[in-house]
């Protein structure tokens, strides 16, 4: 079993191993919208997994503080006595990001941010973004998915269910072949870049981003070098004009920010400068020719957030109480 959470629809789908929806539940994600940064009180996007299951066997409406049962049982009367408490009830699924640099590590680490799926006493808010970053569910629904999602199960948090594509951080060893195919189609075949120049030997040292269509086929890509240089941004011809390039570029900028880069740079084709200007880049040099194509160096200065202190690492097992 695995789960998908759709921020735009405020919905969690429980899916079987074949990807079929078993059951759908209303949820409440962050009032501040989607985002990965520490201190943002936003719900992080991307692929996560269940790192720990907390509260097995506890009575319904058990109140948790710092992942420990307080001994209280939530009631409307208790809520009226403590109107400012952010209630965490019944069970907790503690999520860990899988996309290094986007929702894992540094100031974007979902585990350190303590992003949970948990029960709520205010079920009237389900279907409306109202949390401080976590995913709230009905207590009955939470018990159902708690019993069916194993530790390590995938939980994919998606900003828009209407998008025909999904952008994620790629693994070069696993995803290298389809990324090379896209780059060969775009740079070598379309633009006439020599293959020896396109394959520059730097990929193993880079962070990569891939866009996949609804069937999982790779349709776009880009990479980030250790020095903060963005490059090899490419989208298959049939998929252009749908925001895929923008999504890939945004994910690459997020990766750079999470690794502490103060600025990102790229060599833009001069006929694509306006695209990069829309994403906060500015010209940083004169035009030059590379592979017979006119380019200009561009850069964007990045803002940073404070990196959070390390969270207590949970043991990868279900348990009734957490430390």
C-alpha atoms as a PDB file:
ATOM      1  CA  UNK A   1       0.000   0.000   0.000  1.00  0.00           C
ATOM      2  CA  UNK A   2       1.026   3.600  -0.581  1.00  0.00           C
ATOM      3  CA  UNK A   3      -0.667   6.995  -0.509  1.00  0.00           C
ATOM      4  CA  UNK A   4      -0.956  10.166  -2.553  1.00  0.00           C
ATOM      5  CA  UNK A   5      -1.954  13.494  -1.002  1.00  0.00           C
ATOM      6  CA  UNK A   6      -3.311  16.211  -3.296  1.00  0.00           C
ATOM      7  CA  UNK A   7      -2.944  19.697  -1.858  1.00  0.00           C
ATOM      8  CA  UNK A   8      -5.292  21.337  -4.364  1.00  0.00           C
ATOM      9  CA  UNK A   9      -8.093  18.881  -3.602  1.00  0.00           C
ATOM     10  CA  UNK A  10      -7.305  18.425   0.112  1.00  0.00           C
ATOM     11  CA  UNK A  11      -7.509  14.693  -0.388  1.00  0.00           C
ATOM     12  CA  UNK A  12      -5.548  11.562   0.481  1.00  0.00           C
ATOM     13  CA  UNK A  13      -5.834   8.515  -1.753  1.00  0.00           C
ATOM     14  CA  UNK A  14      -4.860   5.117  -0.372  1.00  0.00           C
ATOM     15  CA  UNK A  15      -3.607   2.968  -3.253  1.00  0.00           C
ATOM     16  CA  UNK A  16      -2.794  -0.693  -3.682  1.00  0.00           C
ATOM     17  CA  UNK A  17       0.393  -2.074  -5.230  1.00  0.00           C
ATOM     18  CA  UNK A  18      -1.102  -1.727  -8.728  1.00  0.00           C
ATOM     19  CA  UNK A  19      -1.868   1.962  -8.184  1.00  0.00           C
ATOM     20  CA  UNK A  20      -5.626   1.466  -7.852  1.00  0.00           C
ATOM     21  CA  UNK A  21      -7.443   3.726  -5.387  1.00  0.00           C
ATOM     22  CA  UNK A  22      -8.654   1.700  -2.409  1.00  0.00           C
ATOM     23  CA  UNK A  23     -10.213   4.588  -0.504  1.00  0.00           C
ATOM     24  CA  UNK A  24     -10.187   8.380  -0.483  1.00  0.00           C
ATOM     25  CA  UNK A  25     -10.096  10.596   2.623  1.00  0.00           C
ATOM     26  CA  UNK A  26     -10.485  14.355   3.151  1.00  0.00           C
ATOM     27  CA  UNK A  27      -7.476  16.034   4.750  1.00  0.00           C
ATOM     28  CA  UNK A  28      -6.338  19.479   5.817  1.00  0.00           C
ATOM     29  CA  UNK A  29      -2.878  20.630   4.750  1.00  0.00           C
ATOM     30  CA  UNK A  30      -1.099  23.880   5.601  1.00  0.00           C
ATOM     31  CA  UNK A  31      -2.918  27.179   5.751  1.00  0.00           C
ATOM     32  CA  UNK A  32       0.263  28.723   4.310  1.00  0.00           C
ATOM     33  CA  UNK A  33       0.136  26.463   1.259  1.00  0.00           C
ATOM     34  CA  UNK A  34       2.862  24.211  -0.150  1.00  0.00           C
ATOM     35  CA  UNK A  35       6.526  24.710   0.683  1.00  0.00           C
ATOM     36  CA  UNK A  36       9.549  22.908   2.034  1.00  0.00           C
ATOM     37  CA  UNK A  37      11.492  25.513   4.010  1.00  0.00           C
ATOM     38  CA  UNK A  38      12.059  25.270   7.746  1.00  0.00           C
ATOM     39  CA  UNK A  39       9.872  27.742   9.623  1.00  0.00           C
ATOM     40  CA  UNK A  40       7.484  28.262   6.712  1.00  0.00           C
ATOM     41  CA  UNK A  41       4.578  26.308   8.267  1.00  0.00           C
ATOM     42  CA  UNK A  42       3.914  24.970   4.764  1.00  0.00           C
ATOM     43  CA  UNK A  43       3.162  21.414   3.677  1.00  0.00           C
ATOM     44  CA  UNK A  44       6.144  19.911   1.827  1.00  0.00           C
ATOM     45  CA  UNK A  45       5.747  18.453  -1.641  1.00  0.00           C
ATOM     46  CA  UNK A  46       7.383  15.475  -3.255  1.00  0.00           C
ATOM     47  CA  UNK A  47       7.988  11.840  -2.475  1.00  0.00           C
ATOM     48  CA  UNK A  48       8.101  10.877   1.200  1.00  0.00           C
ATOM     49  CA  UNK A  49       8.022   7.653   3.142  1.00  0.00           C
ATOM     50  CA  UNK A  50       6.590   6.661   6.501  1.00  0.00           C
ATOM     51  CA  UNK A  51       9.576   6.838   8.843  1.00  0.00           C
ATOM     52  CA  UNK A  52       7.767   5.902  12.059  1.00  0.00           C
ATOM     53  CA  UNK A  53       4.303   4.902  13.235  1.00  0.00           C
ATOM     54  CA  UNK A  54       3.349   6.226  16.653  1.00  0.00           C
ATOM     55  CA  UNK A  55       0.328   5.460  18.811  1.00  0.00           C
ATOM     56  CA  UNK A  56      -0.541   1.875  17.875  1.00  0.00           C
ATOM     57  CA  UNK A  57      -3.152   0.583  20.307  1.00  0.00           C
ATOM     58  CA  UNK A  58      -3.911   3.971  21.856  1.00  0.00           C
ATOM     59  CA  UNK A  59      -7.598   4.837  22.332  1.00  0.00           C
ATOM     60  CA  UNK A  60      -9.227   7.099  19.777  1.00  0.00           C
ATOM     61  CA  UNK A  61      -8.759  10.825  20.468  1.00  0.00           C
ATOM     62  CA  UNK A  62      -5.607  10.198  22.521  1.00  0.00           C
ATOM     63  CA  UNK A  63      -3.778  13.530  22.791  1.00  0.00           C
ATOM     64  CA  UNK A  64      -0.095  13.634  21.796  1.00  0.00           C
ATOM     65  CA  UNK A  65       2.474  16.312  22.570  1.00  0.00           C
ATOM     66  CA  UNK A  66       5.947  15.886  21.079  1.00  0.00           C
ATOM     67  CA  UNK A  67       4.809  12.452  19.903  1.00  0.00           C
ATOM     68  CA  UNK A  68       4.046  11.281  23.455  1.00  0.00           C
ATOM     69  CA  UNK A  69       0.569  10.522  24.794  1.00  0.00           C
ATOM     70  CA  UNK A  70      -0.298  13.083  27.473  1.00  0.00           C
ATOM     71  CA  UNK A  71      -2.865  10.874  29.180  1.00  0.00           C
ATOM     72  CA  UNK A  72      -5.661  13.143  27.953  1.00  0.00           C
ATOM     73  CA  UNK A  73      -8.533  12.127  25.714  1.00  0.00           C
ATOM     74  CA  UNK A  74      -9.736  14.912  23.453  1.00  0.00           C
ATOM     75  CA  UNK A  75     -13.321  16.083  23.932  1.00  0.00           C
ATOM     76  CA  UNK A  76     -15.103  19.241  22.768  1.00  0.00           C
ATOM     77  CA  UNK A  77     -15.068  20.399  26.393  1.00  0.00           C
ATOM     78  CA  UNK A  78     -11.281  19.951  26.611  1.00  0.00           C
ATOM     79  CA  UNK A  79     -10.918  21.884  23.363  1.00  0.00           C
ATOM     80  CA  UNK A  80     -12.999  24.766  24.750  1.00  0.00           C
ATOM     81  CA  UNK A  81     -10.755  24.920  27.813  1.00  0.00           C
ATOM     82  CA  UNK A  82      -7.634  25.127  25.622  1.00  0.00           C
ATOM     83  CA  UNK A  83      -8.673  27.037  22.491  1.00  0.00           C
ATOM     84  CA  UNK A  84      -5.110  27.720  21.318  1.00  0.00           C
ATOM     85  CA  UNK A  85      -3.724  24.185  21.399  1.00  0.00           C
ATOM     86  CA  UNK A  86      -2.873  22.547  18.085  1.00  0.00           C
ATOM     87  CA  UNK A  87      -4.404  19.132  18.680  1.00  0.00           C
ATOM     88  CA  UNK A  88      -2.543  16.036  17.540  1.00  0.00           C
ATOM     89  CA  UNK A  89      -4.745  13.013  18.117  1.00  0.00           C
ATOM     90  CA  UNK A  90      -5.091   9.215  17.920  1.00  0.00           C
ATOM     91  CA  UNK A  91      -2.105   8.206  15.726  1.00  0.00           C
ATOM     92  CA  UNK A  92       0.946   9.776  14.102  1.00  0.00           C
ATOM     93  CA  UNK A  93       2.653   8.842  10.844  1.00  0.00           C
ATOM     94  CA  UNK A  94       6.016  10.647  10.832  1.00  0.00           C
ATOM     95  CA  UNK A  95       7.131  11.389   7.275  1.00  0.00           C
ATOM     96  CA  UNK A  96      10.649  11.529   5.881  1.00  0.00           C
ATOM     97  CA  UNK A  97      11.471  13.134   2.537  1.00  0.00           C
ATOM     98  CA  UNK A  98      13.080  11.012  -0.158  1.00  0.00           C
ATOM     99  CA  UNK A  99      14.213  13.811  -2.477  1.00  0.00           C
ATOM    100  CA  UNK A 100      17.593  14.977  -1.222  1.00  0.00           C
ATOM    101  CA  UNK A 101      17.891  18.736  -1.392  1.00  0.00           C
ATOM    102  CA  UNK A 102      14.155  19.231  -1.961  1.00  0.00           C
ATOM    103  CA  UNK A 103      12.454  17.644   1.051  1.00  0.00           C
ATOM    104  CA  UNK A 104      15.403  15.849   2.633  1.00  0.00           C
ATOM    105  CA  UNK A 105      18.455  17.424   4.279  1.00  0.00           C
ATOM    106  CA  UNK A 106      19.401  20.991   5.167  1.00  0.00           C
ATOM    107  CA  UNK A 107      16.619  23.507   5.771  1.00  0.00           C
ATOM    108  CA  UNK A 108      14.062  21.522   3.759  1.00  0.00           C
ATOM    109  CA  UNK A 109      14.146  18.258   5.707  1.00  0.00           C
ATOM    110  CA  UNK A 110      10.604  16.988   6.330  1.00  0.00           C
ATOM    111  CA  UNK A 111      11.737  14.670   9.118  1.00  0.00           C
ATOM    112  CA  UNK A 112      13.450  17.513  10.979  1.00  0.00           C
ATOM    113  CA  UNK A 113      10.461  19.749  10.326  1.00  0.00           C
ATOM    114  CA  UNK A 114       8.350  17.092  12.075  1.00  0.00           C
ATOM    115  CA  UNK A 115       5.842  16.678   9.276  1.00  0.00           C
ATOM    116  CA  UNK A 116       3.177  14.204  10.375  1.00  0.00           C
ATOM    117  CA  UNK A 117      -0.108  12.761   9.260  1.00  0.00           C
ATOM    118  CA  UNK A 118      -2.187  12.938  12.434  1.00  0.00           C
ATOM    119  CA  UNK A 119      -5.738  13.022  13.719  1.00  0.00           C
ATOM    120  CA  UNK A 120      -7.611  16.212  14.516  1.00  0.00           C
ATOM    121  CA  UNK A 121     -10.442  17.211  16.795  1.00  0.00           C
ATOM    122  CA  UNK A 122     -11.705  19.839  14.384  1.00  0.00           C
ATOM    123  CA  UNK A 123     -12.941  17.589  11.603  1.00  0.00           C
ATOM    124  CA  UNK A 124     -15.095  20.412  10.235  1.00  0.00           C
ATOM    125  CA  UNK A 125     -11.897  21.929   8.781  1.00  0.00           C
ATOM    126  CA  UNK A 126     -11.091  18.837   6.716  1.00  0.00           C
ATOM    127  CA  UNK A 127     -11.132  19.774   3.066  1.00  0.00           C
ATOM    128  CA  UNK A 128      -9.781  23.249   3.896  1.00  0.00           C
ATOM    129  CA  UNK A 129      -6.077  24.181   4.291  1.00  0.00           C
ATOM    130  CA  UNK A 130      -5.793  24.978   8.002  1.00  0.00           C
ATOM    131  CA  UNK A 131      -2.768  23.196   9.508  1.00  0.00           C
ATOM    132  CA  UNK A 132       0.692  24.469  10.417  1.00  0.00           C
ATOM    133  CA  UNK A 133       2.365  22.179   7.877  1.00  0.00           C
ATOM    134  CA  UNK A 134       1.239  18.686   8.853  1.00  0.00           C
ATOM    135  CA  UNK A 135      -1.570  16.707   7.243  1.00  0.00           C
ATOM    136  CA  UNK A 136      -4.664  16.451   9.416  1.00  0.00           C
ATOM    137  CA  UNK A 137      -7.178  13.624   9.024  1.00  0.00           C
ATOM    138  CA  UNK A 138     -10.293  12.327  10.706  1.00  0.00           C
ATOM    139  CA  UNK A 139      -9.397  10.015  13.560  1.00  0.00           C
ATOM    140  CA  UNK A 140     -11.324   7.082  12.088  1.00  0.00           C
ATOM    141  CA  UNK A 141      -9.685   7.550   8.693  1.00  0.00           C
ATOM    142  CA  UNK A 142      -6.254   7.849  10.254  1.00  0.00           C
ATOM    143  CA  UNK A 143      -6.646   4.546  12.091  1.00  0.00           C
ATOM    144  CA  UNK A 144      -7.531   2.886   8.779  1.00  0.00           C
ATOM    145  CA  UNK A 145      -4.466   4.101   6.900  1.00  0.00           C
ATOM    146  CA  UNK A 146      -2.222   3.629   9.957  1.00  0.00           C
ATOM    147  CA  UNK A 147      -3.056  -0.070   9.920  1.00  0.00           C
ATOM    148  CA  UNK A 148      -2.465  -0.377   6.159  1.00  0.00           C
ATOM    149  CA  UNK A 149       0.635   1.743   5.533  1.00  0.00           C
ATOM    150  CA  UNK A 150       3.811  -0.011   6.614  1.00  0.00           C
ATOM    151  CA  UNK A 151       6.952   1.730   7.793  1.00  0.00           C
ATOM    152  CA  UNK A 152       8.748   2.682   4.585  1.00  0.00           C
ATOM    153  CA  UNK A 153       5.534   3.021   2.570  1.00  0.00           C
ATOM    154  CA  UNK A 154       5.619   5.790  -0.028  1.00  0.00           C
ATOM    155  CA  UNK A 155       3.566   8.939   0.529  1.00  0.00           C
ATOM    156  CA  UNK A 156       3.611  11.303  -2.451  1.00  0.00           C
ATOM    157  CA  UNK A 157       2.482  14.868  -1.702  1.00  0.00           C
ATOM    158  CA  UNK A 158       1.368  16.573  -4.914  1.00  0.00           C
ATOM    159  CA  UNK A 159       0.517  20.241  -5.316  1.00  0.00           C
ATOM    160  CA  UNK A 160      -1.902  19.865  -8.227  1.00  0.00           C
ATOM    161  CA  UNK A 161      -3.904  16.788  -9.131  1.00  0.00           C
ATOM    162  CA  UNK A 162      -4.696  18.359 -12.517  1.00  0.00           C
ATOM    163  CA  UNK A 163      -1.064  18.452 -13.637  1.00  0.00           C
ATOM    164  CA  UNK A 164      -0.315  15.908 -16.389  1.00  0.00           C
ATOM    165  CA  UNK A 165       3.282  15.643 -15.191  1.00  0.00           C
ATOM    166  CA  UNK A 166       5.282  15.290 -11.998  1.00  0.00           C
ATOM    167  CA  UNK A 167       8.710  16.744 -11.229  1.00  0.00           C
ATOM    168  CA  UNK A 168      11.070  15.022  -8.820  1.00  0.00           C
ATOM    169  CA  UNK A 169      14.729  14.794  -7.875  1.00  0.00           C
ATOM    170  CA  UNK A 170      16.325  12.059  -9.971  1.00  0.00           C
ATOM    171  CA  UNK A 171      19.008   9.497  -9.243  1.00  0.00           C
ATOM    172  CA  UNK A 172      21.606   9.479 -12.019  1.00  0.00           C
ATOM    173  CA  UNK A 173      22.446   5.782 -11.675  1.00  0.00           C
ATOM    174  CA  UNK A 174      18.778   4.808 -11.891  1.00  0.00           C
ATOM    175  CA  UNK A 175      17.426   7.530 -14.193  1.00  0.00           C
ATOM    176  CA  UNK A 176      20.466   8.326 -16.323  1.00  0.00           C
ATOM    177  CA  UNK A 177      19.326   6.457 -19.443  1.00  0.00           C
ATOM    178  CA  UNK A 178      16.038   8.357 -19.983  1.00  0.00           C
ATOM    179  CA  UNK A 179      17.723  11.666 -19.117  1.00  0.00           C
ATOM    180  CA  UNK A 180      20.438  11.040 -21.701  1.00  0.00           C
ATOM    181  CA  UNK A 181      17.728  10.202 -24.242  1.00  0.00           C
ATOM    182  CA  UNK A 182      15.909  13.504 -23.661  1.00  0.00           C
ATOM    183  CA  UNK A 183      19.120  15.497 -23.886  1.00  0.00           C
ATOM    184  CA  UNK A 184      20.162  13.703 -27.063  1.00  0.00           C
ATOM    185  CA  UNK A 185      16.772  14.466 -28.649  1.00  0.00           C
ATOM    186  CA  UNK A 186      16.822  18.146 -27.689  1.00  0.00           C
ATOM    187  CA  UNK A 187      20.472  19.177 -27.815  1.00  0.00           C
ATOM    188  CA  UNK A 188      22.066  16.845 -30.358  1.00  0.00           C
ATOM    189  CA  UNK A 189      19.224  16.212 -32.803  1.00  0.00           C
ATOM    190  CA  UNK A 190      17.298  19.500 -32.596  1.00  0.00           C
ATOM    191  CA  UNK A 191      20.012  22.026 -31.821  1.00  0.00           C
ATOM    192  CA  UNK A 192      22.987  20.363 -33.479  1.00  0.00           C
ATOM    193  CA  UNK A 193      25.184  20.314 -30.370  1.00  0.00           C
ATOM    194  CA  UNK A 194      28.064  17.838 -30.803  1.00  0.00           C
ATOM    195  CA  UNK A 195      27.416  14.742 -28.714  1.00  0.00           C
ATOM    196  CA  UNK A 196      30.933  14.897 -27.272  1.00  0.00           C
ATOM    197  CA  UNK A 197      30.144  18.382 -25.926  1.00  0.00           C
ATOM    198  CA  UNK A 198      26.754  17.369 -24.557  1.00  0.00           C
ATOM    199  CA  UNK A 199      28.261  14.401 -22.697  1.00  0.00           C
ATOM    200  CA  UNK A 200      30.804  16.368 -20.700  1.00  0.00           C
ATOM    201  CA  UNK A 201      31.488  13.779 -17.981  1.00  0.00           C
ATOM    202  CA  UNK A 202      30.033  15.929 -15.181  1.00  0.00           C
ATOM    203  CA  UNK A 203      26.723  14.134 -14.641  1.00  0.00           C
ATOM    204  CA  UNK A 204      27.879  11.832 -11.848  1.00  0.00           C
ATOM    205  CA  UNK A 205      28.767  14.897  -9.751  1.00  0.00           C
ATOM    206  CA  UNK A 206      25.493  16.747 -10.421  1.00  0.00           C
ATOM    207  CA  UNK A 207      22.046  16.808  -8.855  1.00  0.00           C
ATOM    208  CA  UNK A 208      19.387  15.950 -11.432  1.00  0.00           C
ATOM    209  CA  UNK A 209      15.684  16.700 -11.787  1.00  0.00           C
ATOM    210  CA  UNK A 210      13.289  14.803 -14.046  1.00  0.00           C
ATOM    211  CA  UNK A 211       9.706  15.414 -15.175  1.00  0.00           C
ATOM    212  CA  UNK A 212       7.564  12.325 -15.737  1.00  0.00           C
ATOM    213  CA  UNK A 213       4.216  12.061 -17.474  1.00  0.00           C
ATOM    214  CA  UNK A 214       1.223  10.291 -15.931  1.00  0.00           C
ATOM    215  CA  UNK A 215       2.553   6.914 -17.086  1.00  0.00           C
ATOM    216  CA  UNK A 216       5.987   7.544 -15.586  1.00  0.00           C
ATOM    217  CA  UNK A 217       7.844   8.257 -18.840  1.00  0.00           C
ATOM    218  CA  UNK A 218      10.577  10.901 -18.619  1.00  0.00           C
ATOM    219  CA  UNK A 219       9.660  14.030 -20.615  1.00  0.00           C
ATOM    220  CA  UNK A 220      12.012  16.711 -19.274  1.00  0.00           C
ATOM    221  CA  UNK A 221      15.166  17.159 -17.230  1.00  0.00           C
ATOM    222  CA  UNK A 222      17.782  19.523 -15.849  1.00  0.00           C
ATOM    223  CA  UNK A 223      20.862  19.405 -13.635  1.00  0.00           C
ATOM    224  CA  UNK A 224      22.671  21.386 -10.946  1.00  0.00           C
ATOM    225  CA  UNK A 225      26.467  21.353 -10.715  1.00  0.00           C
ATOM    226  CA  UNK A 226      28.205  21.536  -7.317  1.00  0.00           C
ATOM    227  CA  UNK A 227      29.202  25.163  -7.983  1.00  0.00           C
ATOM    228  CA  UNK A 228      25.568  26.257  -8.380  1.00  0.00           C
ATOM    229  CA  UNK A 229      25.478  26.196 -12.183  1.00  0.00           C
ATOM    230  CA  UNK A 230      22.210  25.059 -13.754  1.00  0.00           C
ATOM    231  CA  UNK A 231      22.262  23.371 -17.127  1.00  0.00           C
ATOM    232  CA  UNK A 232      20.949  20.725 -19.499  1.00  0.00           C
ATOM    233  CA  UNK A 233      17.381  22.008 -19.054  1.00  0.00           C
ATOM    234  CA  UNK A 234      15.411  20.197 -21.744  1.00  0.00           C
ATOM    235  CA  UNK A 235      11.782  19.279 -22.446  1.00  0.00           C
ATOM    236  CA  UNK A 236      10.586  16.908 -25.152  1.00  0.00           C
ATOM    237  CA  UNK A 237       9.040  18.811 -28.064  1.00  0.00           C
ATOM    238  CA  UNK A 238       5.525  17.378 -27.632  1.00  0.00           C
ATOM    239  CA  UNK A 239       5.389  18.582 -24.009  1.00  0.00           C
ATOM    240  CA  UNK A 240       6.566  22.166 -24.408  1.00  0.00           C
ATOM    241  CA  UNK A 241       4.404  25.110 -23.447  1.00  0.00           C
ATOM    242  CA  UNK A 242       2.834  23.341 -20.449  1.00  0.00           C
ATOM    243  CA  UNK A 243       4.980  24.734 -17.645  1.00  0.00           C
ATOM    244  CA  UNK A 244       7.328  21.755 -17.426  1.00  0.00           C
ATOM    245  CA  UNK A 245      10.484  23.792 -17.968  1.00  0.00           C
ATOM    246  CA  UNK A 246       9.393  26.264 -15.287  1.00  0.00           C
ATOM    247  CA  UNK A 247       8.733  23.444 -12.824  1.00  0.00           C
ATOM    248  CA  UNK A 248      12.117  21.841 -13.479  1.00  0.00           C
ATOM    249  CA  UNK A 249      13.920  25.168 -13.121  1.00  0.00           C
ATOM    250  CA  UNK A 250      12.116  25.947  -9.858  1.00  0.00           C
ATOM    251  CA  UNK A 251      13.062  22.550  -8.442  1.00  0.00           C
ATOM    252  CA  UNK A 252      16.715  23.082  -9.420  1.00  0.00           C
ATOM    253  CA  UNK A 253      16.739  26.491  -7.723  1.00  0.00           C
ATOM    254  CA  UNK A 254      15.256  24.912  -4.585  1.00  0.00           C
ATOM    255  CA  UNK A 255      18.007  22.283  -4.643  1.00  0.00           C
ATOM    256  CA  UNK A 256      20.677  24.961  -4.938  1.00  0.00           C
ATOM    257  CA  UNK A 257      19.202  26.935  -2.060  1.00  0.00           C
ATOM    258  CA  UNK A 258      19.031  23.876   0.178  1.00  0.00           C
ATOM    259  CA  UNK A 259      22.727  23.134  -0.381  1.00  0.00           C
ATOM    260  CA  UNK A 260      23.730  26.643   0.697  1.00  0.00           C
ATOM    261  CA  UNK A 261      24.382  28.240  -2.690  1.00  0.00           C
ATOM    262  CA  UNK A 262      24.269  32.029  -2.469  1.00  0.00           C
ATOM    263  CA  UNK A 263      23.531  32.359  -6.175  1.00  0.00           C
ATOM    264  CA  UNK A 264      22.760  30.178  -9.173  1.00  0.00           C
ATOM    265  CA  UNK A 265      24.085  30.747 -12.667  1.00  0.00           C
ATOM    266  CA  UNK A 266      23.323  29.403 -16.126  1.00  0.00           C
ATOM    267  CA  UNK A 267      24.163  29.974 -19.765  1.00  0.00           C
ATOM    268  CA  UNK A 268      20.878  30.884 -21.449  1.00  0.00           C
ATOM    269  CA  UNK A 269      20.222  30.853 -25.161  1.00  0.00           C
ATOM    270  CA  UNK A 270      19.619  34.488 -26.073  1.00  0.00           C
ATOM    271  CA  UNK A 271      16.221  33.610 -27.530  1.00  0.00           C
ATOM    272  CA  UNK A 272      15.218  32.188 -24.116  1.00  0.00           C
ATOM    273  CA  UNK A 273      16.427  35.052 -21.903  1.00  0.00           C
ATOM    274  CA  UNK A 274      12.914  36.304 -21.152  1.00  0.00           C
ATOM    275  CA  UNK A 275      11.994  32.861 -19.774  1.00  0.00           C
ATOM    276  CA  UNK A 276      14.795  33.071 -17.224  1.00  0.00           C
ATOM    277  CA  UNK A 277      14.057  36.713 -16.391  1.00  0.00           C
ATOM    278  CA  UNK A 278      10.541  35.617 -15.389  1.00  0.00           C
ATOM    279  CA  UNK A 279      12.204  33.257 -12.914  1.00  0.00           C
ATOM    280  CA  UNK A 280      14.311  35.946 -11.264  1.00  0.00           C
ATOM    281  CA  UNK A 281      17.503  35.671 -13.322  1.00  0.00           C
ATOM    282  CA  UNK A 282      19.420  38.687 -14.614  1.00  0.00           C
ATOM    283  CA  UNK A 283      22.089  39.062 -17.288  1.00  0.00           C
ATOM    284  CA  UNK A 284      25.610  38.725 -15.897  1.00  0.00           C
ATOM    285  CA  UNK A 285      27.798  39.070 -18.961  1.00  0.00           C
ATOM    286  CA  UNK A 286      28.057  39.701 -22.667  1.00  0.00           C
ATOM    287  CA  UNK A 287      26.729  37.374 -25.336  1.00  0.00           C
ATOM    288  CA  UNK A 288      28.947  34.507 -26.464  1.00  0.00           C
ATOM    289  CA  UNK A 289      28.716  31.588 -28.854  1.00  0.00           C
ATOM    290  CA  UNK A 290      28.770  27.961 -27.742  1.00  0.00           C
ATOM    291  CA  UNK A 291      28.169  25.048 -30.127  1.00  0.00           C
ATOM    292  CA  UNK A 292      27.157  27.611 -32.755  1.00  0.00           C
ATOM    293  CA  UNK A 293      24.350  29.010 -30.563  1.00  0.00           C
ATOM    294  CA  UNK A 294      24.265  32.512 -29.041  1.00  0.00           C
ATOM    295  CA  UNK A 295      24.171  32.480 -25.228  1.00  0.00           C
ATOM    296  CA  UNK A 296      24.350  34.869 -22.311  1.00  0.00           C
ATOM    297  CA  UNK A 297      25.432  34.121 -18.753  1.00  0.00           C
ATOM    298  CA  UNK A 298      22.666  34.831 -16.228  1.00  0.00           C
ATOM    299  CA  UNK A 299      22.463  34.610 -12.452  1.00  0.00           C
ATOM    300  CA  UNK A 300      20.000  34.748  -9.587  1.00  0.00           C
ATOM    301  CA  UNK A 301      20.806  35.625  -5.968  1.00  0.00           C
ATOM    302  CA  UNK A 302      19.164  33.294  -3.448  1.00  0.00           C
ATOM    303  CA  UNK A 303      17.675  33.943  -0.019  1.00  0.00           C
ATOM    304  CA  UNK A 304      18.207  31.433   2.763  1.00  0.00           C
ATOM    305  CA  UNK A 305      16.437  30.213   5.869  1.00  0.00           C
ATOM    306  CA  UNK A 306      17.961  28.928   9.095  1.00  0.00           C
ATOM    307  CA  UNK A 307      18.780  25.225   9.088  1.00  0.00           C
ATOM    308  CA  UNK A 308      16.783  23.511  11.852  1.00  0.00           C
ATOM    309  CA  UNK A 309      18.369  21.492  14.638  1.00  0.00           C
ATOM    310  CA  UNK A 310      18.422  17.755  14.083  1.00  0.00           C
ATOM    311  CA  UNK A 311      15.255  15.944  15.080  1.00  0.00           C
ATOM    312  CA  UNK A 312      15.471  12.898  17.291  1.00  0.00           C
ATOM    313  CA  UNK A 313      15.829  10.102  14.765  1.00  0.00           C
ATOM    314  CA  UNK A 314      12.920   7.668  15.148  1.00  0.00           C
ATOM    315  CA  UNK A 315      13.481   3.959  15.037  1.00  0.00           C
ATOM    316  CA  UNK A 316      11.998   2.577  11.837  1.00  0.00           C
ATOM    317  CA  UNK A 317       9.302   0.590  13.614  1.00  0.00           C
ATOM    318  CA  UNK A 318       5.766   1.043  14.871  1.00  0.00           C
ATOM    319  CA  UNK A 319       5.438   1.772  18.557  1.00  0.00           C
ATOM    320  CA  UNK A 320       2.991   3.118  21.091  1.00  0.00           C
ATOM    321  CA  UNK A 321       5.249   5.806  22.514  1.00  0.00           C
ATOM    322  CA  UNK A 322       7.931   7.881  20.875  1.00  0.00           C
ATOM    323  CA  UNK A 323      11.011   9.548  22.229  1.00  0.00           C
END
